[in-house]
Amino acid sequence: MSQEDITLTAGDAEVTLQPANGGRVGGLRVAGVQLLRQGDRFGCFPMVPWCGRIRDGRFRDGADVHQMPLNSPPHAIHGTARDGAWNIARTTTDEAVLTYDLVAPWPYPGRITQIAALTPDALTLTMSVETYDSSFPAQIGWHPWFHRTLDGGEPVRLDFAAAWQEERGDDHLPTGNRVEPRPGPWDDCFGMPDGVDVTLTWPGQLELKVASREEWVVVYDEQEAAVCVEPQTGPPNGLNTVPRLVTPLEPLEASTTWSWRRL
């Protein structure tokens, strides 16, 4: 059964999970300060079974072409699981396990499991996509909306060193060319072959690191209220360009850890 919000606590950190609202992290408080933008569409939602945009909402799997709803015309964006209600598999004071069974419009059966584990100075989110039937391409990612300012302080600074930037076309999708990283503002995908490592610093208040073993991250800072640092298993339109196959023997798994320290 889908259930009410879950609250995890560890030290002075508190995380709210919203199973009924796409399995998202609804909030993260550190010493009472909310780090995530509030609202039904914000917090941090799982991007699965794909991340970012799919060109024209279409992806190919072998000879089959599948059409996803164009929820960001002319493209489909951010997967289907954020639109569904997730189930609570188990929960403790500082950890919760949520599951979501893939349904139409996604054409393949499968199960997504997301684990949220909180410590006093870090939150780790782990996700897997499993199938017991046909194989299919998939992606995993997370889309957090971090407040640009905390309690009226200075705006957040973003620090990262990417090996490349995926050149963005007029349609907001990667062209396939890799270019030298360019200054922001960004709605862009960057490559970090040694793993995602991005530091957000709210001067005099908090430093937070977003880390993942994956090598792609989308950085979005074009809105006034929030900035997004989105680790993911492939670039936008990756179902078509860099497909990762989920098979009955091999699930797709990924994780990200946000660790913080007070300044």
C-alpha atoms as a PDB file:
ATOM      1  CA  MET A   1       0.000   0.000   0.000  1.00  0.00           C
ATOM      2  CA  SER A   2       1.097   3.551  -0.677  1.00  0.00           C
ATOM      3  CA  GLN A   3       1.335   5.479   2.551  1.00  0.00           C
ATOM      4  CA  GLU A   4       1.868   8.850   4.164  1.00  0.00           C
ATOM      5  CA  ASP A   5       5.136  10.733   4.274  1.00  0.00           C
ATOM      6  CA  ILE A   6       8.063   9.124   6.078  1.00  0.00           C
ATOM      7  CA  THR A   7      10.439  11.063   8.329  1.00  0.00           C
ATOM      8  CA  LEU A   8      14.005   9.853   8.845  1.00  0.00           C
ATOM      9  CA  THR A   9      16.246  11.358  11.523  1.00  0.00           C
ATOM     10  CA  ALA A  10      19.925  11.117  12.417  1.00  0.00           C
ATOM     11  CA  GLY A  11      21.671  13.662  14.629  1.00  0.00           C
ATOM     12  CA  ASP A  12      20.357  17.086  13.643  1.00  0.00           C
ATOM     13  CA  ALA A  13      19.442  15.908  10.108  1.00  0.00           C
ATOM     14  CA  GLU A  14      15.867  15.159   9.079  1.00  0.00           C
ATOM     15  CA  VAL A  15      14.663  13.772   5.740  1.00  0.00           C
ATOM     16  CA  THR A  16      11.061  13.605   4.537  1.00  0.00           C
ATOM     17  CA  LEU A  17      10.157  10.978   1.935  1.00  0.00           C
ATOM     18  CA  GLN A  18       6.949  11.134  -0.086  1.00  0.00           C
ATOM     19  CA  PRO A  19       6.067   7.657  -1.396  1.00  0.00           C
ATOM     20  CA  ALA A  20       2.704   8.808  -2.767  1.00  0.00           C
ATOM     21  CA  ASN A  21       4.322  11.686  -4.679  1.00  0.00           C
ATOM     22  CA  GLY A  22       6.681   9.839  -6.995  1.00  0.00           C
ATOM     23  CA  GLY A  23       8.940   8.417  -4.307  1.00  0.00           C
ATOM     24  CA  ARG A  24      10.612  11.781  -3.899  1.00  0.00           C
ATOM     25  CA  VAL A  25      12.623  13.268  -1.079  1.00  0.00           C
ATOM     26  CA  GLY A  26      10.270  16.028  -0.001  1.00  0.00           C
ATOM     27  CA  GLY A  27      12.723  17.763   2.302  1.00  0.00           C
ATOM     28  CA  LEU A  28      16.151  17.703   3.926  1.00  0.00           C
ATOM     29  CA  ARG A  29      16.704  19.735   7.060  1.00  0.00           C
ATOM     30  CA  VAL A  30      20.097  20.213   8.676  1.00  0.00           C
ATOM     31  CA  ALA A  31      19.954  21.878  12.112  1.00  0.00           C
ATOM     32  CA  GLY A  32      16.423  22.994  11.274  1.00  0.00           C
ATOM     33  CA  VAL A  33      17.354  24.638   7.937  1.00  0.00           C
ATOM     34  CA  GLN A  34      15.526  23.320   4.873  1.00  0.00           C
ATOM     35  CA  LEU A  35      17.946  22.689   1.978  1.00  0.00           C
ATOM     36  CA  LEU A  36      15.427  21.606  -0.680  1.00  0.00           C
ATOM     37  CA  ARG A  37      12.902  23.742  -2.497  1.00  0.00           C
ATOM     38  CA  GLN A  38       9.410  22.941  -1.251  1.00  0.00           C
ATOM     39  CA  GLY A  39       6.397  22.028  -3.361  1.00  0.00           C
ATOM     40  CA  ASP A  40       4.798  18.998  -5.013  1.00  0.00           C
ATOM     41  CA  ARG A  41       7.106  19.179  -8.051  1.00  0.00           C
ATOM     42  CA  PHE A  42      10.331  19.928  -6.179  1.00  0.00           C
ATOM     43  CA  GLY A  43      12.320  18.332  -3.367  1.00  0.00           C
ATOM     44  CA  CYS A  44      14.351  15.604  -5.085  1.00  0.00           C
ATOM     45  CA  PHE A  45      12.609  13.177  -7.406  1.00  0.00           C
ATOM     46  CA  PRO A  46      13.915   9.946  -8.954  1.00  0.00           C
ATOM     47  CA  MET A  47      14.442  10.072 -12.706  1.00  0.00           C
ATOM     48  CA  VAL A  48      13.686   6.545 -13.870  1.00  0.00           C
ATOM     49  CA  PRO A  49      13.449   4.625 -16.181  1.00  0.00           C
ATOM     50  CA  TRP A  50      15.091   7.504 -18.046  1.00  0.00           C
ATOM     51  CA  CYS A  51      16.770  10.835 -17.233  1.00  0.00           C
ATOM     52  CA  GLY A  52      16.243  14.184 -18.876  1.00  0.00           C
ATOM     53  CA  ARG A  53      14.686  14.407 -22.306  1.00  0.00           C
ATOM     54  CA  ILE A  54      14.066  11.700 -24.900  1.00  0.00           C
ATOM     55  CA  ARG A  55      14.064  13.174 -28.415  1.00  0.00           C
ATOM     56  CA  ASP A  56      10.455  13.372 -29.644  1.00  0.00           C
ATOM     57  CA  GLY A  57       9.564  10.952 -26.849  1.00  0.00           C
ATOM     58  CA  ARG A  58      10.737   7.999 -28.940  1.00  0.00           C
ATOM     59  CA  PHE A  59      13.327   5.366 -28.161  1.00  0.00           C
ATOM     60  CA  ARG A  60      14.402   2.258 -30.009  1.00  0.00           C
ATOM     61  CA  ASP A  61      14.913  -1.176 -28.517  1.00  0.00           C
ATOM     62  CA  GLY A  62      16.188  -3.461 -31.246  1.00  0.00           C
ATOM     63  CA  ALA A  63      13.616  -3.312 -34.032  1.00  0.00           C
ATOM     64  CA  ASP A  64      10.914  -1.830 -31.802  1.00  0.00           C
ATOM     65  CA  VAL A  65      10.279   1.903 -31.469  1.00  0.00           C
ATOM     66  CA  HIS A  66       8.400   3.051 -28.381  1.00  0.00           C
ATOM     67  CA  GLN A  67       6.579   6.356 -27.951  1.00  0.00           C
ATOM     68  CA  MET A  68       6.418   8.033 -24.552  1.00  0.00           C
ATOM     69  CA  PRO A  69       3.977  10.857 -23.698  1.00  0.00           C
ATOM     70  CA  LEU A  70       5.354  14.287 -24.638  1.00  0.00           C
ATOM     71  CA  ASN A  71       5.261  15.808 -21.152  1.00  0.00           C
ATOM     72  CA  SER A  72       7.825  18.446 -22.185  1.00  0.00           C
ATOM     73  CA  PRO A  73       6.906  19.027 -25.846  1.00  0.00           C
ATOM     74  CA  PRO A  74       8.380  18.142 -28.233  1.00  0.00           C
ATOM     75  CA  HIS A  75      10.126  15.685 -25.901  1.00  0.00           C
ATOM     76  CA  ALA A  76       9.409  13.284 -23.053  1.00  0.00           C
ATOM     77  CA  ILE A  77      11.257  14.129 -19.848  1.00  0.00           C
ATOM     78  CA  HIS A  78      12.447  12.582 -16.553  1.00  0.00           C
ATOM     79  CA  GLY A  79      10.843   9.130 -16.676  1.00  0.00           C
ATOM     80  CA  THR A  80       7.494   7.870 -15.435  1.00  0.00           C
ATOM     81  CA  ALA A  81       8.166   6.825 -11.831  1.00  0.00           C
ATOM     82  CA  ARG A  82       7.963  10.378 -10.452  1.00  0.00           C
ATOM     83  CA  ASP A  83       4.299  10.428 -11.536  1.00  0.00           C
ATOM     84  CA  GLY A  84       3.313   7.310  -9.601  1.00  0.00           C
ATOM     85  CA  ALA A  85       2.733   6.241  -6.024  1.00  0.00           C
ATOM     86  CA  TRP A  86       5.509   4.119  -4.515  1.00  0.00           C
ATOM     87  CA  ASN A  87       5.119   1.409  -1.914  1.00  0.00           C
ATOM     88  CA  ILE A  88       6.905   1.244   1.428  1.00  0.00           C
ATOM     89  CA  ALA A  89       8.837  -2.016   1.734  1.00  0.00           C
ATOM     90  CA  ARG A  90      10.313  -1.219   5.147  1.00  0.00           C
ATOM     91  CA  THR A  91      11.328   1.754   7.239  1.00  0.00           C
ATOM     92  CA  THR A  92      13.398   2.419  10.376  1.00  0.00           C
ATOM     93  CA  THR A  93      14.428   5.596  12.167  1.00  0.00           C
ATOM     94  CA  ASP A  94      17.140   6.426   9.639  1.00  0.00           C
ATOM     95  CA  GLU A  95      16.453   4.243   6.569  1.00  0.00           C
ATOM     96  CA  ALA A  96      13.555   3.517   4.230  1.00  0.00           C
ATOM     97  CA  VAL A  97      13.060   1.207   1.265  1.00  0.00           C
ATOM     98  CA  LEU A  98      10.496   2.153  -1.393  1.00  0.00           C
ATOM     99  CA  THR A  99       9.433   0.162  -4.456  1.00  0.00           C
ATOM    100  CA  TYR A 100       7.637   1.025  -7.664  1.00  0.00           C
ATOM    101  CA  ASP A 101       6.387  -1.414 -10.316  1.00  0.00           C
ATOM    102  CA  LEU A 102       6.711  -0.072 -13.850  1.00  0.00           C
ATOM    103  CA  VAL A 103       3.387   0.310 -15.634  1.00  0.00           C
ATOM    104  CA  ALA A 104       2.092   1.868 -18.871  1.00  0.00           C
ATOM    105  CA  PRO A 105       3.070   4.041 -20.665  1.00  0.00           C
ATOM    106  CA  TRP A 106       6.433   2.323 -20.026  1.00  0.00           C
ATOM    107  CA  PRO A 107       6.246  -0.766 -22.255  1.00  0.00           C
ATOM    108  CA  TYR A 108       8.167  -3.259 -20.087  1.00  0.00           C
ATOM    109  CA  PRO A 109       7.471  -4.857 -16.725  1.00  0.00           C
ATOM    110  CA  GLY A 110      10.025  -4.193 -14.027  1.00  0.00           C
ATOM    111  CA  ARG A 111      10.505  -3.108 -10.441  1.00  0.00           C
ATOM    112  CA  ILE A 112      12.367  -0.097  -9.109  1.00  0.00           C
ATOM    113  CA  THR A 113      13.725  -0.148  -5.572  1.00  0.00           C
ATOM    114  CA  GLN A 114      14.986   2.992  -3.874  1.00  0.00           C
ATOM    115  CA  ILE A 115      16.787   3.029  -0.525  1.00  0.00           C
ATOM    116  CA  ALA A 116      17.255   6.237   1.464  1.00  0.00           C
ATOM    117  CA  ALA A 117      19.829   5.964   4.267  1.00  0.00           C
ATOM    118  CA  LEU A 118      20.494   8.926   6.557  1.00  0.00           C
ATOM    119  CA  THR A 119      23.441   9.562   8.903  1.00  0.00           C
ATOM    120  CA  PRO A 120      24.072  12.757  10.922  1.00  0.00           C
ATOM    121  CA  ASP A 121      26.153  14.191   8.038  1.00  0.00           C
ATOM    122  CA  ALA A 122      25.069  12.393   4.862  1.00  0.00           C
ATOM    123  CA  LEU A 123      22.130  11.068   2.857  1.00  0.00           C
ATOM    124  CA  THR A 124      22.696   8.148   0.480  1.00  0.00           C
ATOM    125  CA  LEU A 125      20.098   7.317  -2.163  1.00  0.00           C
ATOM    126  CA  THR A 126      20.423   3.994  -3.971  1.00  0.00           C
ATOM    127  CA  MET A 127      18.210   2.822  -6.801  1.00  0.00           C
ATOM    128  CA  SER A 128      17.915  -0.359  -8.847  1.00  0.00           C
ATOM    129  CA  VAL A 129      15.822  -1.359 -11.848  1.00  0.00           C
ATOM    130  CA  GLU A 130      15.074  -5.075 -12.130  1.00  0.00           C
ATOM    131  CA  THR A 131      13.212  -7.202 -14.642  1.00  0.00           C
ATOM    132  CA  TYR A 132      12.038 -10.779 -14.429  1.00  0.00           C
ATOM    133  CA  ASP A 133      10.876 -10.836 -18.032  1.00  0.00           C
ATOM    134  CA  SER A 134      12.129  -9.043 -21.143  1.00  0.00           C
ATOM    135  CA  SER A 135      15.315  -6.961 -21.217  1.00  0.00           C
ATOM    136  CA  PHE A 136      15.056  -3.231 -21.849  1.00  0.00           C
ATOM    137  CA  PRO A 137      17.163  -0.048 -21.883  1.00  0.00           C
ATOM    138  CA  ALA A 138      16.917   2.186 -18.826  1.00  0.00           C
ATOM    139  CA  GLN A 139      18.537   5.015 -16.889  1.00  0.00           C
ATOM    140  CA  ILE A 140      18.639   6.044 -13.247  1.00  0.00           C
ATOM    141  CA  GLY A 141      19.121   9.550 -11.881  1.00  0.00           C
ATOM    142  CA  TRP A 142      18.072  12.023  -9.206  1.00  0.00           C
ATOM    143  CA  HIS A 143      16.785  15.566  -9.635  1.00  0.00           C
ATOM    144  CA  PRO A 144      17.286  17.603  -6.441  1.00  0.00           C
ATOM    145  CA  TRP A 145      16.210  21.236  -6.194  1.00  0.00           C
ATOM    146  CA  PHE A 146      18.584  22.885  -3.709  1.00  0.00           C
ATOM    147  CA  HIS A 147      17.617  26.325  -2.393  1.00  0.00           C
ATOM    148  CA  ARG A 148      19.792  29.036  -3.931  1.00  0.00           C
ATOM    149  CA  THR A 149      19.883  30.819  -0.567  1.00  0.00           C
ATOM    150  CA  LEU A 150      19.399  29.509   2.973  1.00  0.00           C
ATOM    151  CA  ASP A 151      17.583  31.740   5.444  1.00  0.00           C
ATOM    152  CA  GLY A 152      18.474  34.938   3.578  1.00  0.00           C
ATOM    153  CA  GLY A 153      22.207  34.202   3.357  1.00  0.00           C
ATOM    154  CA  GLU A 154      24.498  34.542   0.358  1.00  0.00           C
ATOM    155  CA  PRO A 155      23.660  32.593  -2.829  1.00  0.00           C
ATOM    156  CA  VAL A 156      25.090  29.117  -3.205  1.00  0.00           C
ATOM    157  CA  ARG A 157      28.369  28.596  -5.104  1.00  0.00           C
ATOM    158  CA  LEU A 158      28.778  25.577  -7.376  1.00  0.00           C
ATOM    159  CA  ASP A 159      32.243  24.067  -7.759  1.00  0.00           C
ATOM    160  CA  PHE A 160      33.101  21.142 -10.027  1.00  0.00           C
ATOM    161  CA  ALA A 161      35.740  20.091 -12.545  1.00  0.00           C
ATOM    162  CA  ALA A 162      34.241  18.222 -15.493  1.00  0.00           C
ATOM    163  CA  ALA A 163      36.268  16.415 -18.165  1.00  0.00           C
ATOM    164  CA  TRP A 164      33.815  17.576 -20.826  1.00  0.00           C
ATOM    165  CA  GLN A 165      30.457  19.188 -21.457  1.00  0.00           C
ATOM    166  CA  GLU A 166      27.912  17.580 -23.763  1.00  0.00           C
ATOM    167  CA  GLU A 167      27.290  20.188 -26.456  1.00  0.00           C
ATOM    168  CA  ARG A 168      23.654  21.226 -26.255  1.00  0.00           C
ATOM    169  CA  GLY A 169      21.616  21.711 -29.399  1.00  0.00           C
ATOM    170  CA  ASP A 170      18.790  24.189 -29.923  1.00  0.00           C
ATOM    171  CA  ASP A 171      16.408  21.374 -28.916  1.00  0.00           C
ATOM    172  CA  HIS A 172      18.120  21.162 -25.476  1.00  0.00           C
ATOM    173  CA  LEU A 173      19.488  17.701 -26.305  1.00  0.00           C
ATOM    174  CA  PRO A 174      23.160  16.702 -26.586  1.00  0.00           C
ATOM    175  CA  THR A 175      24.405  16.871 -30.170  1.00  0.00           C
ATOM    176  CA  GLY A 176      26.911  14.066 -29.646  1.00  0.00           C
ATOM    177  CA  ASN A 177      29.869  16.461 -29.546  1.00  0.00           C
ATOM    178  CA  ARG A 178      31.905  16.850 -26.372  1.00  0.00           C
ATOM    179  CA  VAL A 179      33.230  20.350 -25.738  1.00  0.00           C
ATOM    180  CA  GLU A 180      35.318  22.099 -23.096  1.00  0.00           C
ATOM    181  CA  PRO A 181      33.172  22.991 -20.076  1.00  0.00           C
ATOM    182  CA  ARG A 182      31.687  26.462 -20.462  1.00  0.00           C
ATOM    183  CA  PRO A 183      30.683  29.003 -17.826  1.00  0.00           C
ATOM    184  CA  GLY A 184      27.053  29.054 -16.661  1.00  0.00           C
ATOM    185  CA  PRO A 185      24.207  29.599 -16.389  1.00  0.00           C
ATOM    186  CA  TRP A 186      23.643  25.963 -17.261  1.00  0.00           C
ATOM    187  CA  ASP A 187      21.028  23.474 -18.282  1.00  0.00           C
ATOM    188  CA  ASP A 188      23.770  21.143 -19.387  1.00  0.00           C
ATOM    189  CA  CYS A 189      25.199  17.668 -19.023  1.00  0.00           C
ATOM    190  CA  PHE A 190      28.813  17.213 -17.934  1.00  0.00           C
ATOM    191  CA  GLY A 191      31.087  14.188 -18.013  1.00  0.00           C
ATOM    192  CA  MET A 192      33.056  13.120 -14.937  1.00  0.00           C
ATOM    193  CA  PRO A 193      34.690   9.771 -15.757  1.00  0.00           C
ATOM    194  CA  ASP A 194      36.077   9.425 -12.218  1.00  0.00           C
ATOM    195  CA  GLY A 195      32.597   9.892 -10.735  1.00  0.00           C
ATOM    196  CA  VAL A 196      30.307  12.817 -10.076  1.00  0.00           C
ATOM    197  CA  ASP A 197      31.788  15.280  -7.561  1.00  0.00           C
ATOM    198  CA  VAL A 198      30.061  18.646  -7.179  1.00  0.00           C
ATOM    199  CA  THR A 199      30.339  20.962  -4.157  1.00  0.00           C
ATOM    200  CA  LEU A 200      27.603  23.414  -3.207  1.00  0.00           C
ATOM    201  CA  THR A 201      28.704  26.091  -0.734  1.00  0.00           C
ATOM    202  CA  TRP A 202      26.358  28.482   1.018  1.00  0.00           C
ATOM    203  CA  PRO A 203      29.009  30.899   2.333  1.00  0.00           C
ATOM    204  CA  GLY A 204      29.269  30.968   6.104  1.00  0.00           C
ATOM    205  CA  GLN A 205      26.488  28.398   6.445  1.00  0.00           C
ATOM    206  CA  LEU A 206      26.916  24.973   4.859  1.00  0.00           C
ATOM    207  CA  GLU A 207      28.978  22.972   2.385  1.00  0.00           C
ATOM    208  CA  LEU A 208      27.318  20.014   0.654  1.00  0.00           C
ATOM    209  CA  LYS A 209      28.964  17.544  -1.720  1.00  0.00           C
ATOM    210  CA  VAL A 210      26.977  15.598  -4.308  1.00  0.00           C
ATOM    211  CA  ALA A 211      28.901  12.436  -5.209  1.00  0.00           C
ATOM    212  CA  SER A 212      28.193   9.359  -7.303  1.00  0.00           C
ATOM    213  CA  ARG A 213      30.189   6.651  -9.052  1.00  0.00           C
ATOM    214  CA  GLU A 214      28.280   7.496 -12.234  1.00  0.00           C
ATOM    215  CA  GLU A 215      30.001   9.714 -14.774  1.00  0.00           C
ATOM    216  CA  TRP A 216      27.239  12.043 -15.918  1.00  0.00           C
ATOM    217  CA  VAL A 217      25.700  14.995 -14.128  1.00  0.00           C
ATOM    218  CA  VAL A 218      23.240  17.609 -15.324  1.00  0.00           C
ATOM    219  CA  VAL A 219      23.614  21.035 -13.710  1.00  0.00           C
ATOM    220  CA  TYR A 220      20.633  23.376 -13.952  1.00  0.00           C
ATOM    221  CA  ASP A 221      20.836  26.839 -12.420  1.00  0.00           C
ATOM    222  CA  GLU A 222      18.639  28.963 -14.702  1.00  0.00           C
ATOM    223  CA  GLN A 223      15.937  29.523 -12.064  1.00  0.00           C
ATOM    224  CA  GLU A 224      16.132  32.138  -9.343  1.00  0.00           C
ATOM    225  CA  ALA A 225      14.863  29.985  -6.494  1.00  0.00           C
ATOM    226  CA  ALA A 226      16.967  26.841  -6.782  1.00  0.00           C
ATOM    227  CA  VAL A 227      19.863  25.003  -8.395  1.00  0.00           C
ATOM    228  CA  CYS A 228      19.834  21.368  -9.509  1.00  0.00           C
ATOM    229  CA  VAL A 229      22.758  18.915  -9.518  1.00  0.00           C
ATOM    230  CA  GLU A 230      21.545  15.684 -11.088  1.00  0.00           C
ATOM    231  CA  PRO A 231      23.797  12.583 -11.096  1.00  0.00           C
ATOM    232  CA  GLN A 232      22.657  10.022 -13.625  1.00  0.00           C
ATOM    233  CA  THR A 233      23.712   6.824 -15.396  1.00  0.00           C
ATOM    234  CA  GLY A 234      23.737   8.422 -18.850  1.00  0.00           C
ATOM    235  CA  PRO A 235      23.189  11.701 -20.680  1.00  0.00           C
ATOM    236  CA  PRO A 236      19.832  13.106 -21.789  1.00  0.00           C
ATOM    237  CA  ASN A 237      18.425  11.060 -24.697  1.00  0.00           C
ATOM    238  CA  GLY A 238      20.681   8.279 -23.439  1.00  0.00           C
ATOM    239  CA  LEU A 239      18.076   5.566 -24.087  1.00  0.00           C
ATOM    240  CA  ASN A 240      18.890   6.199 -27.750  1.00  0.00           C
ATOM    241  CA  THR A 241      22.583   7.123 -27.598  1.00  0.00           C
ATOM    242  CA  VAL A 242      24.154   5.203 -24.673  1.00  0.00           C
ATOM    243  CA  PRO A 243      21.592   2.540 -23.738  1.00  0.00           C
ATOM    244  CA  ARG A 244      22.203   0.576 -20.522  1.00  0.00           C
ATOM    245  CA  LEU A 245      20.391  -2.741 -20.698  1.00  0.00           C
ATOM    246  CA  VAL A 246      18.437  -4.179 -17.774  1.00  0.00           C
ATOM    247  CA  THR A 247      18.264  -7.970 -18.042  1.00  0.00           C
ATOM    248  CA  PRO A 248      16.802 -10.694 -15.793  1.00  0.00           C
ATOM    249  CA  LEU A 249      20.374 -11.503 -14.716  1.00  0.00           C
ATOM    250  CA  GLU A 250      21.707  -7.954 -14.457  1.00  0.00           C
ATOM    251  CA  PRO A 251      19.748  -5.107 -12.873  1.00  0.00           C
ATOM    252  CA  LEU A 252      20.758  -1.482 -13.337  1.00  0.00           C
ATOM    253  CA  GLU A 253      21.969   0.032 -10.066  1.00  0.00           C
ATOM    254  CA  ALA A 254      23.204   3.478  -9.054  1.00  0.00           C
ATOM    255  CA  SER A 255      23.634   5.570  -5.944  1.00  0.00           C
ATOM    256  CA  THR A 256      24.390   9.117  -4.902  1.00  0.00           C
ATOM    257  CA  THR A 257      25.569  10.485  -1.564  1.00  0.00           C
ATOM    258  CA  TRP A 258      25.081  14.021  -0.325  1.00  0.00           C
ATOM    259  CA  SER A 259      27.442  14.803   2.531  1.00  0.00           C
ATOM    260  CA  TRP A 260      27.511  18.116   4.375  1.00  0.00           C
ATOM    261  CA  ARG A 261      29.322  20.097   7.014  1.00  0.00           C
ATOM    262  CA  ARG A 262      28.415  23.289   8.795  1.00  0.00           C
ATOM    263  CA  LEU A 263      30.628  26.309   8.078  1.00  0.00           C
END
